[in-house]
Amino acid sequence: MPCIRGTINSFHVGNFLTRALFGAIFVIVLVAGIIFHPIAFFAVFLGITLLASYEFYKLIQKNNCVPQIATGLIGAGLLFTSCFAYTYYNNASLFALFVPLLVLIPIIEMYRKKENPFGNIAYTFMGLLYVALPFSLLNFLVFPFGDNQFHWEILMGVFVLIWANDTGAYLVGVNFGKHRLFERISPKKSWEGSIGGAVITLVIAYLISLYTKDLNTIEWIATGVIVVVFGSMGDLVESLLKRSINIKDSGTIIPGHGGLLDRFDALLLVSPMIFVLLQVINQFFR
C-alpha cells in the first residue's frame, strides 16, 4: 500500500507541475503577443487561429464527417490576415481572396467523392464561423477606433475579465453551488457560481476602468456584462460540442490543460459581441 500511495502522490505532483509549467508558458506567450507589438500580436494569434481551427476540424472528424481541413485552414489564415491588414495597414485587398475561397468550398466538395457532402461543406464553413471569425475580430479590438493606434489594453482587459469570470464562478460554485445552471450540458455549473463570477467580473471591470483610458467606466462595465453573459454561453456551447461527440477535452496541445478550444471557449462568443460594442461606441460616442 505505501508503494501505491507513493506512486499516486508522485503522479499528482507530476501532473500539477506539468499543468503549472505549461499554463505559465501559455499565459506568457499570450500576454507577450498582446502587449509587445502589433506584429507580435499578429504572429501569436494567427498561430492560435490556425491551431484552434485544425483542432475543431479534427474533432468534427470524430462525428463521422470529413470537412475540408486544408481549405478551412487556408480560409482561417486568410481571414485573420485580411482583418489584420485592414485594421493595421488600412488595406482591404486580401478580402478579395477570401471571398472566392468561400465559393470554392462547395465546388471542391463535388470532386472529393465523400459521403455526406453537404455536411462536410457545412462543417468547413462552421470552422470559419465558429473559430476563425472570432479570433479574426480580435484585430478590431486592438485597432477599434480607426486611429491606427494599438489599443492592446482593451484586449488585455477582455482576457482579464474572462479569467475573472471563470475563476470567480469556479470558486463560488465549488463552495456554495447548489442549483444547476444547465445540467443537461454541464452538470457542474451552478447559478451560485455564475452569480459569483458575475459580481467579481463587474468589480474587476470597474477597477480596470480606473487605470486605462481607452474605455470609460460605463463602457468597461458593459464589456464586463458581455463577458459574463456570452462567456458563460461560450463555455456551454463548447461543452455541447464535446458532449455531442462524447469527448472530455477538445485536444491535448497544452499538457494538463486540454485543447485550445477548451482555453478559448468563452472568447469565441465574447469576441463578436465586444466587436459590436466597440463599433457602437466608435459610431455614437467618439
Protein backbone atom coordinates (compact mmCIF):
# COMPACT_ATOMS: atom_id res chain seq x y z
CA MET A 1 0.00 0.00 0.00
CA PRO A 2 2.75 2.56 0.82
CA CYS A 3 4.24 1.97 -2.64
CA ILE A 4 0.87 2.51 -4.29
CA ARG A 5 0.23 5.69 -2.31
CA GLY A 6 3.72 6.93 -3.17
CA THR A 7 3.14 6.28 -6.85
CA ILE A 8 -0.22 8.05 -6.77
CA ASN A 9 1.21 11.03 -4.90
CA SER A 10 4.10 11.26 -7.36
CA PHE A 11 1.63 11.16 -10.24
CA HIS A 12 -0.44 14.01 -8.78
CA VAL A 13 2.65 16.11 -8.06
CA GLY A 14 3.98 15.50 -11.56
CA ASN A 15 0.61 16.35 -13.09
CA PHE A 16 0.38 19.55 -11.04
CA LEU A 17 3.88 20.62 -12.07
CA THR A 18 3.07 19.89 -15.73
CA ARG A 19 -0.11 21.98 -15.54
CA ALA A 20 1.69 24.80 -13.77
CA LEU A 21 4.64 24.87 -16.19
CA PHE A 22 2.68 24.74 -19.43
CA GLY A 23 -0.02 27.01 -18.01
CA ALA A 24 2.63 29.63 -17.23
CA ILE A 25 4.20 29.29 -20.69
CA PHE A 26 0.78 29.64 -22.30
CA VAL A 27 -0.03 32.81 -20.34
CA ILE A 28 3.41 34.36 -21.01
CA VAL A 29 3.13 33.78 -24.77
CA LEU A 30 -0.43 35.11 -24.82
CA VAL A 31 0.35 38.25 -22.83
CA ALA A 32 3.53 38.90 -24.84
CA GLY A 33 1.54 38.63 -28.05
CA ILE A 34 -0.93 41.19 -26.75
CA ILE A 35 1.29 43.87 -25.25
CA PHE A 36 4.61 43.91 -27.13
CA HIS A 37 3.86 44.99 -30.70
CA PRO A 38 1.19 44.64 -33.40
CA ILE A 39 3.39 42.19 -35.32
CA ALA A 40 3.79 40.05 -32.19
CA PHE A 41 0.01 40.11 -31.81
CA PHE A 42 -0.38 39.04 -35.44
CA ALA A 43 2.09 36.16 -35.13
CA VAL A 44 0.74 34.77 -31.86
CA PHE A 45 -2.95 34.99 -32.70
CA LEU A 46 -2.56 33.84 -36.29
CA GLY A 47 -0.88 30.73 -34.88
CA ILE A 48 -3.67 30.27 -32.33
CA THR A 49 -6.30 30.73 -35.03
CA LEU A 50 -4.76 28.05 -37.24
CA LEU A 51 -4.19 25.58 -34.40
CA ALA A 52 -7.68 26.09 -32.96
CA SER A 53 -9.24 25.68 -36.42
CA TYR A 54 -7.29 22.48 -37.00
CA GLU A 55 -8.40 21.21 -33.60
CA PHE A 56 -12.04 21.93 -34.48
CA TYR A 57 -11.85 20.09 -37.80
CA LYS A 58 -10.18 17.07 -36.18
CA LEU A 59 -12.96 16.98 -33.59
CA ILE A 60 -15.60 17.04 -36.32
CA GLN A 61 -13.98 14.02 -37.94
CA LYS A 62 -14.95 12.07 -34.82
CA ASN A 63 -18.56 12.83 -35.74
CA ASN A 64 -18.30 10.83 -38.99
CA CYS A 65 -17.81 13.90 -41.19
CA VAL A 66 -14.88 14.81 -43.40
CA PRO A 67 -14.54 18.62 -43.51
CA GLN A 68 -12.07 20.20 -45.91
CA ILE A 69 -9.26 20.73 -43.41
CA ALA A 70 -6.72 22.24 -45.82
CA THR A 71 -9.27 24.61 -47.34
CA GLY A 72 -10.58 25.55 -43.91
CA LEU A 73 -7.09 26.33 -42.60
CA ILE A 74 -6.25 28.43 -45.66
CA GLY A 75 -9.52 30.29 -45.17
CA ALA A 76 -8.86 30.79 -41.43
CA GLY A 77 -5.37 32.16 -42.06
CA LEU A 78 -6.57 34.36 -44.89
CA LEU A 79 -9.46 35.76 -42.83
CA PHE A 80 -7.24 36.63 -39.88
CA THR A 81 -4.57 38.14 -42.12
CA SER A 82 -7.18 40.12 -44.08
CA CYS A 83 -8.58 41.63 -40.87
CA PHE A 84 -5.08 42.49 -39.64
CA ALA A 85 -4.13 44.12 -42.95
CA TYR A 86 -7.38 46.09 -42.93
CA THR A 87 -7.05 47.36 -39.34
CA TYR A 88 -3.27 47.89 -39.20
CA TYR A 89 -2.41 48.89 -42.77
CA ASN A 90 -5.86 50.12 -43.88
CA ASN A 91 -5.66 47.67 -46.78
CA ALA A 92 -8.72 45.59 -47.62
CA SER A 93 -7.35 43.90 -50.75
CA LEU A 94 -6.89 40.46 -49.12
CA PHE A 95 -10.65 40.14 -48.61
CA ALA A 96 -10.81 39.81 -52.40
CA LEU A 97 -9.02 36.46 -51.99
CA PHE A 98 -11.05 35.27 -49.00
CA VAL A 99 -14.47 35.64 -50.64
CA PRO A 100 -13.65 33.45 -53.70
CA LEU A 101 -12.32 30.80 -51.32
CA LEU A 102 -15.77 30.61 -49.74
CA VAL A 103 -17.24 30.00 -53.19
CA LEU A 104 -14.67 27.26 -53.85
CA ILE A 105 -15.62 25.21 -50.78
CA PRO A 106 -18.81 23.65 -52.26
CA ILE A 107 -17.13 23.31 -55.67
CA ILE A 108 -14.19 21.41 -54.16
CA GLU A 109 -16.60 19.11 -52.35
CA MET A 110 -18.09 17.97 -55.67
CA TYR A 111 -14.73 16.43 -56.62
CA ARG A 112 -13.93 14.81 -53.26
CA LYS A 113 -16.48 11.98 -53.63
CA LYS A 114 -17.07 11.79 -49.86
CA GLU A 115 -20.18 10.69 -48.05
CA ASN A 116 -22.44 13.39 -46.61
CA PRO A 117 -21.07 16.15 -48.88
CA PHE A 118 -23.32 18.92 -47.57
CA GLY A 119 -22.43 18.00 -44.01
CA ASN A 120 -18.75 18.34 -44.97
CA ILE A 121 -19.43 21.71 -46.60
CA ALA A 122 -21.41 22.92 -43.57
CA TYR A 123 -18.72 21.90 -41.07
CA THR A 124 -16.00 23.51 -43.18
CA PHE A 125 -17.94 26.78 -43.12
CA MET A 126 -18.67 26.26 -39.42
CA GLY A 127 -14.95 26.17 -38.63
CA LEU A 128 -14.58 29.58 -40.24
CA LEU A 129 -17.64 31.00 -38.50
CA TYR A 130 -17.23 29.47 -35.03
CA VAL A 131 -13.43 29.59 -34.68
CA ALA A 132 -11.65 31.73 -37.28
CA LEU A 133 -14.08 34.68 -37.29
CA PRO A 134 -13.99 35.35 -33.51
CA PHE A 135 -10.19 35.28 -33.48
CA SER A 136 -10.05 37.47 -36.58
CA LEU A 137 -12.32 40.05 -34.93
CA LEU A 138 -9.69 40.48 -32.21
CA ASN A 139 -7.93 42.72 -34.74
CA PHE A 140 -10.81 45.17 -34.33
CA LEU A 141 -10.38 45.06 -30.54
CA VAL A 142 -6.76 46.22 -30.69
CA PHE A 143 -7.47 48.70 -33.52
CA PRO A 144 -11.01 49.76 -32.61
CA PHE A 145 -11.24 53.46 -33.41
CA GLY A 146 -9.62 53.87 -36.82
CA ASP A 147 -6.80 55.95 -35.33
CA ASN A 148 -4.03 53.47 -36.27
CA GLN A 149 -3.17 53.19 -32.57
CA PHE A 150 -2.53 49.79 -30.98
CA HIS A 151 -5.02 49.65 -28.10
CA TRP A 152 -3.72 46.46 -26.53
CA GLU A 153 -5.23 47.41 -23.15
CA ILE A 154 -8.72 46.60 -24.43
CA LEU A 155 -7.86 43.05 -25.46
CA MET A 156 -5.81 42.50 -22.31
CA GLY A 157 -8.74 43.76 -20.26
CA VAL A 158 -11.14 41.39 -22.01
CA PHE A 159 -8.90 38.43 -21.20
CA VAL A 160 -8.59 39.53 -17.57
CA LEU A 161 -12.39 39.75 -17.33
CA ILE A 162 -12.81 36.29 -18.88
CA TRP A 163 -10.30 34.82 -16.42
CA ALA A 164 -12.00 36.66 -13.53
CA ASN A 165 -15.40 35.31 -14.56
CA ASP A 166 -14.12 31.74 -14.91
CA THR A 167 -12.17 31.82 -11.64
CA GLY A 168 -14.95 33.51 -9.67
CA ALA A 169 -17.60 31.13 -10.98
CA TYR A 170 -15.42 28.13 -10.14
CA LEU A 171 -14.52 29.23 -6.58
CA VAL A 172 -18.05 30.29 -5.66
CA GLY A 173 -19.59 27.27 -7.37
CA VAL A 174 -17.33 24.78 -5.60
CA ASN A 175 -18.08 26.25 -2.18
CA PHE A 176 -21.70 27.36 -2.49
CA GLY A 177 -23.14 25.87 -5.69
CA LYS A 178 -26.42 24.00 -5.20
CA HIS A 179 -28.71 24.90 -8.11
CA ARG A 180 -27.58 23.60 -11.51
CA LEU A 181 -27.34 26.18 -14.29
CA PHE A 182 -27.61 23.87 -17.32
CA GLU A 183 -27.36 20.32 -16.06
CA ARG A 184 -28.04 18.67 -19.42
CA ILE A 185 -24.88 20.18 -20.91
CA SER A 186 -22.61 20.97 -17.96
CA PRO A 187 -23.65 19.23 -14.73
CA LYS A 188 -21.10 21.02 -12.52
CA LYS A 189 -22.05 24.61 -13.31
CA SER A 190 -24.35 26.32 -10.82
CA TRP A 191 -26.38 29.52 -10.60
CA GLU A 192 -24.48 30.45 -7.46
CA GLY A 193 -21.18 30.12 -9.29
CA SER A 194 -22.42 32.16 -12.24
CA ILE A 195 -23.67 34.96 -9.97
CA GLY A 196 -20.41 34.95 -8.01
CA GLY A 197 -18.41 35.10 -11.23
CA ALA A 198 -20.57 37.95 -12.49
CA VAL A 199 -20.07 40.05 -9.33
CA ILE A 200 -16.29 39.53 -9.38
CA THR A 201 -16.12 40.30 -13.12
CA LEU A 202 -18.00 43.58 -12.77
CA VAL A 203 -15.82 44.64 -9.84
CA ILE A 204 -12.70 43.89 -11.90
CA ALA A 205 -14.20 45.80 -14.86
CA TYR A 206 -14.63 48.85 -12.64
CA LEU A 207 -11.05 48.56 -11.36
CA ILE A 208 -9.71 48.27 -14.91
CA SER A 209 -11.58 51.45 -15.84
CA LEU A 210 -9.62 53.33 -13.16
CA TYR A 211 -6.27 52.52 -14.77
CA THR A 212 -6.98 52.59 -18.51
CA LYS A 213 -8.01 55.41 -20.83
CA ASP A 214 -9.26 53.54 -23.89
CA LEU A 215 -12.75 52.99 -22.47
CA ASN A 216 -14.61 54.83 -19.73
CA THR A 217 -16.21 53.22 -16.68
CA ILE A 218 -19.62 52.63 -18.26
CA GLU A 219 -18.00 51.09 -21.36
CA TRP A 220 -15.86 48.75 -19.24
CA ILE A 221 -18.91 47.73 -17.20
CA ALA A 222 -20.74 46.99 -20.48
CA THR A 223 -17.73 44.92 -21.54
CA GLY A 224 -17.94 43.05 -18.24
CA VAL A 225 -21.64 42.31 -18.77
CA ILE A 226 -20.89 40.90 -22.22
CA VAL A 227 -18.14 38.70 -20.76
CA VAL A 228 -20.46 37.40 -18.03
CA VAL A 229 -23.33 36.57 -20.38
CA PHE A 230 -21.59 35.43 -23.55
CA GLY A 231 -18.52 33.99 -21.85
CA SER A 232 -20.75 31.60 -19.93
CA MET A 233 -22.68 30.79 -23.09
CA GLY A 234 -19.43 30.16 -24.99
CA ASP A 235 -18.37 27.67 -22.33
CA LEU A 236 -21.71 25.87 -22.59
CA VAL A 237 -21.66 25.82 -26.41
CA GLU A 238 -18.22 24.22 -26.44
CA SER A 239 -19.40 21.71 -23.81
CA LEU A 240 -22.33 20.93 -26.11
CA LEU A 241 -19.91 20.30 -28.97
CA LYS A 242 -17.78 17.93 -26.87
CA ARG A 243 -20.82 16.16 -25.46
CA SER A 244 -22.22 15.60 -28.97
CA ILE A 245 -19.09 13.63 -29.92
CA ASN A 246 -18.56 12.13 -26.47
CA ILE A 247 -15.14 13.54 -25.55
CA LYS A 248 -13.80 15.25 -22.43
CA ASP A 249 -11.18 17.64 -23.85
CA SER A 250 -11.04 19.31 -27.26
CA GLY A 251 -7.37 18.35 -27.65
CA THR A 252 -4.04 17.78 -25.95
CA ILE A 253 -1.96 20.64 -27.33
CA ILE A 254 -1.42 22.16 -23.86
CA PRO A 255 -0.31 19.36 -21.50
CA GLY A 256 -2.51 19.27 -18.42
CA HIS A 257 -4.91 21.87 -19.83
CA GLY A 258 -6.59 20.18 -22.79
CA GLY A 259 -7.01 21.85 -26.15
CA LEU A 260 -7.14 25.42 -27.41
CA LEU A 261 -10.91 25.36 -27.77
CA ASP A 262 -11.11 24.47 -24.06
CA ARG A 263 -8.99 27.52 -23.23
CA PHE A 264 -10.75 29.96 -25.57
CA ASP A 265 -14.34 28.69 -25.44
CA ALA A 266 -15.62 31.87 -23.77
CA LEU A 267 -13.76 34.12 -26.22
CA LEU A 268 -15.46 32.52 -29.23
CA LEU A 269 -18.77 34.20 -28.34
CA VAL A 270 -17.40 37.17 -26.39
CA SER A 271 -15.20 38.48 -29.22
CA PRO A 272 -18.02 39.13 -31.76
CA MET A 273 -20.14 40.89 -29.13
CA ILE A 274 -17.25 43.09 -27.95
CA PHE A 275 -16.66 43.92 -31.62
CA VAL A 276 -20.28 45.09 -31.89
CA LEU A 277 -19.97 47.11 -28.66
CA LEU A 278 -16.83 48.88 -29.91
CA GLN A 279 -18.48 49.66 -33.24
CA VAL A 280 -21.39 51.27 -31.39
CA ILE A 281 -19.02 53.23 -29.15
CA ASN A 282 -16.97 54.38 -32.14
CA GLN A 283 -20.02 55.45 -34.15
CA PHE A 284 -22.04 57.20 -31.46
CA PHE A 285 -19.78 58.09 -28.52
CA ARG A 286 -16.43 59.10 -30.08
